[in-house]
Amino acid sequence: MQSFVSGHRADSPQDFLELALGTPVDLWLGVEGESEVERAARLDAARDILSDPEFASGPDDLIRLAAQVVDAHPELFNVVPLPRPARCRPVRRGAAA
C-alpha cells in the first residue's frame, strides 16, 4: 500500500510526517547529538515558522499545538515497532454425519 499526502508519495513514516507538517520533522524533534547552539538555532527557526501568519491559520493551528506538545514532551515520541500478531487460521470442522 502506498501513502500520499497532497498528491506526493510518502515512502516512509518520515516522509509522511514531513509532507503532513510541511516542514522537516527534524526541525521539531531535533537530531541526536545536536549541540546547545544547534538546538537554539533550530528552535529559533521553528518559532519563526510558527509566527508566520500564513502558517497560523486554520488546520495549521493544530500543527502549532502539536509542535508545542513535541517540544514540551519529547518522551511521547519514543516509538518502538510492535511485533505483528500471528495469523489466525479458521478452524475447520468436519462434515456433519
N, C-alpha and C. Protein backbone atom coordinates (compact mmCIF):
# COMPACT_ATOMS: atom_id res chain seq x y z
N MET A 1 0.84 -1.16 0.00
CA MET A 1 0.00 0.00 0.00
C MET A 1 0.90 1.24 0.00
N GLN A 2 0.49 2.24 -0.78
CA GLN A 2 1.24 3.47 -0.85
C GLN A 2 0.47 4.58 -0.14
N SER A 3 1.20 5.50 0.46
CA SER A 3 0.58 6.63 1.14
C SER A 3 0.88 7.90 0.35
N PHE A 4 -0.14 8.73 0.21
CA PHE A 4 0.01 10.01 -0.48
C PHE A 4 -0.49 11.13 0.42
N VAL A 5 0.21 12.25 0.41
CA VAL A 5 -0.20 13.45 1.13
C VAL A 5 -0.14 14.58 0.12
N SER A 6 -1.28 15.21 -0.12
CA SER A 6 -1.37 16.33 -1.08
C SER A 6 -0.76 15.98 -2.43
N GLY A 7 -0.99 14.77 -2.88
CA GLY A 7 -0.51 14.35 -4.19
C GLY A 7 0.94 13.91 -4.22
N HIS A 8 1.62 13.90 -3.10
CA HIS A 8 3.02 13.47 -3.04
C HIS A 8 3.09 12.11 -2.36
N ARG A 9 3.87 11.21 -2.93
CA ARG A 9 4.02 9.88 -2.35
C ARG A 9 4.95 9.92 -1.14
N ALA A 10 4.51 9.29 -0.07
CA ALA A 10 5.32 9.18 1.15
C ALA A 10 5.87 7.76 1.21
N ASP A 11 7.18 7.62 1.07
CA ASP A 11 7.80 6.30 1.05
C ASP A 11 8.14 5.77 2.44
N SER A 12 8.10 6.64 3.44
CA SER A 12 8.45 6.22 4.80
C SER A 12 7.62 7.04 5.79
N PRO A 13 7.56 6.59 7.03
CA PRO A 13 6.87 7.40 8.04
C PRO A 13 7.45 8.82 8.13
N GLN A 14 8.77 8.94 7.96
CA GLN A 14 9.43 10.25 7.99
C GLN A 14 8.90 11.13 6.85
N ASP A 15 8.80 10.56 5.65
CA ASP A 15 8.26 11.30 4.51
C ASP A 15 6.83 11.74 4.78
N PHE A 16 6.03 10.83 5.33
CA PHE A 16 4.64 11.14 5.61
C PHE A 16 4.52 12.33 6.56
N LEU A 17 5.31 12.31 7.63
CA LEU A 17 5.27 13.40 8.59
C LEU A 17 5.72 14.72 7.97
N GLU A 18 6.79 14.67 7.18
CA GLU A 18 7.27 15.90 6.55
C GLU A 18 6.22 16.48 5.60
N LEU A 19 5.57 15.62 4.83
CA LEU A 19 4.54 16.11 3.92
C LEU A 19 3.32 16.63 4.68
N ALA A 20 2.96 15.95 5.75
CA ALA A 20 1.79 16.37 6.53
C ALA A 20 2.05 17.69 7.26
N LEU A 21 3.25 17.84 7.81
CA LEU A 21 3.58 19.05 8.56
C LEU A 21 3.99 20.21 7.66
N GLY A 22 4.51 19.87 6.49
CA GLY A 22 5.00 20.91 5.60
C GLY A 22 6.39 21.39 5.95
N THR A 23 7.02 20.76 6.90
CA THR A 23 8.37 21.11 7.32
C THR A 23 9.11 19.81 7.67
N PRO A 24 10.44 19.84 7.68
CA PRO A 24 11.18 18.65 8.08
C PRO A 24 10.90 18.29 9.55
N VAL A 25 10.75 17.02 9.82
CA VAL A 25 10.48 16.55 11.18
C VAL A 25 11.61 16.93 12.13
N ASP A 26 12.84 16.91 11.63
CA ASP A 26 13.99 17.26 12.47
C ASP A 26 13.89 18.67 13.02
N LEU A 27 13.18 19.54 12.33
CA LEU A 27 13.01 20.91 12.83
C LEU A 27 12.28 20.90 14.16
N TRP A 28 11.33 19.99 14.34
CA TRP A 28 10.53 19.94 15.56
C TRP A 28 11.12 19.00 16.59
N LEU A 29 11.71 17.89 16.15
CA LEU A 29 12.20 16.90 17.10
C LEU A 29 13.69 17.01 17.39
N GLY A 30 14.43 17.66 16.50
CA GLY A 30 15.87 17.74 16.68
C GLY A 30 16.54 16.48 16.18
N VAL A 31 17.85 16.46 16.30
CA VAL A 31 18.61 15.29 15.89
C VAL A 31 19.50 14.86 17.05
N GLU A 32 19.79 13.59 17.07
CA GLU A 32 20.62 13.05 18.15
C GLU A 32 22.00 13.69 18.12
N GLY A 33 22.45 14.12 19.27
CA GLY A 33 23.79 14.68 19.40
C GLY A 33 23.91 16.15 19.01
N GLU A 34 22.78 16.84 18.84
CA GLU A 34 22.90 18.25 18.47
C GLU A 34 23.40 19.04 19.68
N SER A 35 24.19 20.06 19.38
CA SER A 35 24.74 20.90 20.45
C SER A 35 23.67 21.88 20.93
N GLU A 36 23.97 22.56 22.04
CA GLU A 36 23.04 23.57 22.56
C GLU A 36 22.86 24.71 21.56
N VAL A 37 23.92 25.08 20.87
CA VAL A 37 23.85 26.15 19.87
C VAL A 37 22.95 25.70 18.71
N GLU A 38 23.13 24.46 18.24
CA GLU A 38 22.30 23.93 17.15
C GLU A 38 20.84 23.84 17.58
N ARG A 39 20.61 23.41 18.82
CA ARG A 39 19.23 23.32 19.33
C ARG A 39 18.59 24.70 19.39
N ALA A 40 19.33 25.68 19.87
CA ALA A 40 18.80 27.05 19.96
C ALA A 40 18.47 27.58 18.57
N ALA A 41 19.33 27.32 17.60
CA ALA A 41 19.08 27.78 16.23
C ALA A 41 17.86 27.08 15.64
N ARG A 42 17.73 25.78 15.90
CA ARG A 42 16.59 25.01 15.39
C ARG A 42 15.29 25.54 16.00
N LEU A 43 15.27 25.75 17.30
CA LEU A 43 14.07 26.25 17.96
C LEU A 43 13.73 27.67 17.51
N ASP A 44 14.76 28.47 17.24
CA ASP A 44 14.53 29.82 16.73
C ASP A 44 13.88 29.76 15.35
N ALA A 45 14.36 28.88 14.50
CA ALA A 45 13.76 28.71 13.17
C ALA A 45 12.31 28.23 13.29
N ALA A 46 12.07 27.31 14.21
CA ALA A 46 10.70 26.82 14.42
C ALA A 46 9.79 27.93 14.89
N ARG A 47 10.28 28.77 15.80
CA ARG A 47 9.48 29.91 16.27
C ARG A 47 9.16 30.87 15.13
N ASP A 48 10.13 31.10 14.25
CA ASP A 48 9.89 31.98 13.09
C ASP A 48 8.79 31.41 12.21
N ILE A 49 8.82 30.11 11.98
CA ILE A 49 7.79 29.48 11.15
C ILE A 49 6.43 29.59 11.83
N LEU A 50 6.38 29.33 13.12
CA LEU A 50 5.11 29.39 13.84
C LEU A 50 4.56 30.81 13.93
N SER A 51 5.43 31.81 13.88
CA SER A 51 4.95 33.19 13.98
C SER A 51 4.49 33.74 12.64
N ASP A 52 4.74 33.01 11.56
CA ASP A 52 4.30 33.43 10.23
C ASP A 52 2.78 33.36 10.16
N PRO A 53 2.10 34.48 9.86
CA PRO A 53 0.63 34.48 9.83
C PRO A 53 0.05 33.48 8.83
N GLU A 54 0.76 33.22 7.76
CA GLU A 54 0.27 32.26 6.77
C GLU A 54 0.23 30.85 7.35
N PHE A 55 1.17 30.57 8.24
CA PHE A 55 1.26 29.25 8.88
C PHE A 55 0.25 29.11 10.01
N ALA A 56 -0.23 30.24 10.54
CA ALA A 56 -1.02 30.24 11.77
C ALA A 56 -2.52 30.16 11.57
N SER A 57 -2.99 29.84 10.39
CA SER A 57 -4.44 29.84 10.19
C SER A 57 -4.99 28.45 9.94
N GLY A 58 -6.25 28.27 10.32
CA GLY A 58 -6.99 27.03 10.03
C GLY A 58 -6.37 25.80 10.65
N PRO A 59 -6.24 24.73 9.84
CA PRO A 59 -5.73 23.46 10.38
C PRO A 59 -4.30 23.57 10.88
N ASP A 60 -3.61 24.62 10.46
CA ASP A 60 -2.23 24.78 10.92
C ASP A 60 -2.15 25.09 12.41
N ASP A 61 -3.26 25.55 13.00
CA ASP A 61 -3.28 25.73 14.45
C ASP A 61 -3.02 24.40 15.15
N LEU A 62 -3.53 23.34 14.55
CA LEU A 62 -3.29 22.00 15.10
C LEU A 62 -1.81 21.65 15.02
N ILE A 63 -1.17 22.02 13.92
CA ILE A 63 0.26 21.75 13.77
C ILE A 63 1.05 22.52 14.83
N ARG A 64 0.64 23.77 15.08
CA ARG A 64 1.32 24.57 16.11
C ARG A 64 1.18 23.90 17.46
N LEU A 65 -0.03 23.43 17.77
CA LEU A 65 -0.25 22.76 19.05
C LEU A 65 0.60 21.49 19.14
N ALA A 66 0.64 20.73 18.04
CA ALA A 66 1.46 19.51 18.03
C ALA A 66 2.93 19.84 18.26
N ALA A 67 3.41 20.92 17.65
CA ALA A 67 4.81 21.31 17.84
C ALA A 67 5.08 21.68 19.29
N GLN A 68 4.13 22.35 19.93
CA GLN A 68 4.30 22.70 21.34
C GLN A 68 4.34 21.45 22.21
N VAL A 69 3.49 20.47 21.89
CA VAL A 69 3.48 19.23 22.66
C VAL A 69 4.80 18.48 22.46
N VAL A 70 5.30 18.43 21.22
CA VAL A 70 6.56 17.76 20.94
C VAL A 70 7.68 18.41 21.74
N ASP A 71 7.69 19.73 21.78
CA ASP A 71 8.75 20.43 22.49
C ASP A 71 8.65 20.20 24.00
N ALA A 72 7.42 20.18 24.52
CA ALA A 72 7.24 20.03 25.96
C ALA A 72 7.38 18.58 26.43
N HIS A 73 7.05 17.61 25.56
CA HIS A 73 7.05 16.19 25.97
C HIS A 73 7.70 15.31 24.90
N PRO A 74 9.00 15.43 24.68
CA PRO A 74 9.64 14.62 23.64
C PRO A 74 9.57 13.12 23.93
N GLU A 75 9.36 12.76 25.19
CA GLU A 75 9.30 11.33 25.54
C GLU A 75 8.10 10.64 24.90
N LEU A 76 7.10 11.41 24.50
CA LEU A 76 5.92 10.82 23.85
C LEU A 76 6.27 10.20 22.50
N PHE A 77 7.41 10.58 21.95
CA PHE A 77 7.75 10.12 20.61
C PHE A 77 8.84 9.07 20.61
N ASN A 78 9.05 8.42 21.74
CA ASN A 78 9.95 7.27 21.81
C ASN A 78 9.15 6.05 21.36
N VAL A 79 9.00 5.91 20.07
CA VAL A 79 8.14 4.88 19.49
C VAL A 79 8.96 3.66 19.15
N VAL A 80 8.43 2.50 19.46
CA VAL A 80 9.08 1.24 19.11
C VAL A 80 8.10 0.41 18.28
N PRO A 81 8.59 -0.28 17.27
CA PRO A 81 7.68 -1.10 16.47
C PRO A 81 7.18 -2.30 17.28
N LEU A 82 5.94 -2.63 17.09
CA LEU A 82 5.36 -3.79 17.76
C LEU A 82 5.40 -4.99 16.83
N PRO A 83 5.59 -6.19 17.38
CA PRO A 83 5.60 -7.37 16.51
C PRO A 83 4.20 -7.62 15.96
N ARG A 84 4.16 -8.13 14.75
CA ARG A 84 2.86 -8.46 14.15
C ARG A 84 2.32 -9.72 14.82
N PRO A 85 1.03 -9.73 15.09
CA PRO A 85 0.45 -10.94 15.69
C PRO A 85 0.45 -12.07 14.67
N ALA A 86 0.51 -13.28 15.20
CA ALA A 86 0.46 -14.45 14.32
C ALA A 86 -0.90 -14.50 13.63
N ARG A 87 -0.90 -14.96 12.41
CA ARG A 87 -2.16 -15.05 11.67
C ARG A 87 -3.03 -16.15 12.26
N CYS A 88 -4.27 -15.83 12.43
CA CYS A 88 -5.22 -16.82 12.92
C CYS A 88 -5.80 -17.58 11.73
N ARG A 89 -5.81 -18.87 11.84
CA ARG A 89 -6.39 -19.69 10.77
C ARG A 89 -7.76 -20.16 11.23
N PRO A 90 -8.72 -20.12 10.34
CA PRO A 90 -10.06 -20.57 10.74
C PRO A 90 -10.05 -22.06 11.08
N VAL A 91 -10.84 -22.40 12.05
CA VAL A 91 -10.95 -23.80 12.47
C VAL A 91 -11.90 -24.49 11.51
N ARG A 92 -11.44 -25.58 10.91
CA ARG A 92 -12.30 -26.34 10.01
C ARG A 92 -12.93 -27.48 10.78
N ARG A 93 -14.19 -27.53 10.66
CA ARG A 93 -14.92 -28.60 11.35
C ARG A 93 -15.29 -29.66 10.35
N GLY A 94 -15.27 -30.86 10.80
CA GLY A 94 -15.61 -31.98 9.93
C GLY A 94 -17.06 -31.92 9.48
N ALA A 95 -17.38 -32.62 8.40
CA ALA A 95 -18.74 -32.64 7.85
C ALA A 95 -19.68 -33.32 8.84
N ALA A 96 -20.91 -32.83 8.90
CA ALA A 96 -21.91 -33.40 9.81
C ALA A 96 -22.25 -34.81 9.36
N ALA A 97 -22.40 -35.77 10.28
CA ALA A 97 -22.66 -37.16 9.93
C ALA A 97 -24.13 -37.45 9.86
